[in-house]
Protein backbone atom coordinates (compact mmCIF):
# COMPACT_ATOMS: atom_id res chain seq x y z
CA MET A 1 -1.23 5.92 -4.27
CA TYR A 2 -2.85 8.93 -2.65
CA GLU A 3 -5.34 9.25 -5.51
CA TRP A 4 -6.55 5.73 -4.79
CA VAL A 5 -7.00 6.48 -1.09
CA LEU A 6 -8.71 9.82 -1.66
CA ALA A 7 -10.82 9.08 -4.74
CA GLY A 8 -11.45 5.36 -4.39
CA ASP A 9 -12.50 5.01 -8.03
CA SER A 10 -9.30 3.41 -9.31
CA PRO A 11 -7.89 -0.05 -8.55
CA ALA A 12 -5.64 -0.45 -5.54
CA PRO A 13 -1.98 -0.20 -6.60
CA PHE A 14 -0.91 -3.62 -5.28
CA THR A 15 -3.97 -5.84 -4.87
CA GLY A 16 -5.91 -4.32 -7.77
CA ALA A 17 -9.07 -4.35 -5.65
CA LEU A 18 -11.88 -1.90 -6.35
CA HIS A 19 -13.81 -0.36 -3.47
CA GLU A 20 -16.41 2.37 -3.43
CA GLU A 21 -15.70 3.18 0.19
CA LEU A 22 -12.37 2.33 1.84
CA HIS A 23 -12.28 0.89 5.32
CA ASP A 24 -9.35 0.14 7.58
CA LEU A 25 -9.37 -3.51 6.54
CA GLU A 26 -8.89 -2.70 2.84
CA LEU A 27 -6.15 -0.21 3.69
CA ALA A 28 -4.43 -2.75 5.94
CA VAL A 29 -4.56 -5.46 3.25
CA GLU A 30 -3.04 -3.05 0.75
CA GLU A 31 -0.35 -2.01 3.28
CA ARG A 32 0.62 -5.64 3.93
CA THR A 33 0.68 -6.41 0.21
CA ALA A 34 2.87 -3.36 -0.46
CA LEU A 35 5.20 -4.35 2.37
CA ARG A 36 5.51 -7.86 0.91
CA ALA A 37 6.24 -6.36 -2.54
CA ALA A 38 8.92 -4.12 -1.01
CA HIS A 39 10.81 -7.21 0.13
CA GLU A 40 10.49 -9.29 -3.06
CA PRO A 41 14.00 -9.70 -4.48
CA GLY A 42 12.62 -10.37 -7.98
CA ARG A 43 11.15 -6.86 -8.28
CA ALA A 44 13.08 -3.96 -9.76
CA ALA A 45 14.62 -1.57 -7.23
CA ASP A 46 12.30 1.30 -8.23
CA GLU A 47 9.25 -0.93 -7.75
CA ARG A 48 10.49 -1.99 -4.31
CA ASP A 49 11.11 1.67 -3.40
CA PHE A 50 7.58 2.60 -4.50
CA ALA A 51 6.14 -0.31 -2.52
CA ARG A 52 8.13 0.69 0.57
CA GLY A 53 6.84 4.25 0.32
CA ALA A 54 3.28 3.09 -0.25
CA ALA A 55 3.45 0.75 2.75
CA GLY A 56 4.78 3.58 4.90
CA ALA A 57 2.06 5.99 3.78
CA LEU A 58 -0.69 3.45 4.38
CA ALA A 59 0.76 2.52 7.76
CA TRP A 60 0.75 6.20 8.69
CA LEU A 61 -2.89 6.53 7.64
CA LEU A 62 -3.78 3.50 9.72
CA GLY A 63 -1.80 4.72 12.75
CA PHE A 64 0.59 1.75 12.69
CA THR A 65 3.90 1.98 14.49
CA PRO A 66 6.71 2.42 11.93
CA LEU A 67 8.63 -0.76 11.16
CA SER A 68 12.31 -0.75 10.39
CA SER A 69 13.03 -2.31 7.01
């Protein structure tokens, strides 16, 4: 997750998007997608945990108020 944010040369972990330069919009889309994945009952528990952590990290980077899950 952090490698994608810092390096920007690998696909986004949830949307798979490639960006040379990350902007708040791309980070916000990835955060929302991760949050949605964290609440998908069909995903394995470890995948949901990863998605929850990724959403939290991206929300922190964006300065979003923490959401209770």
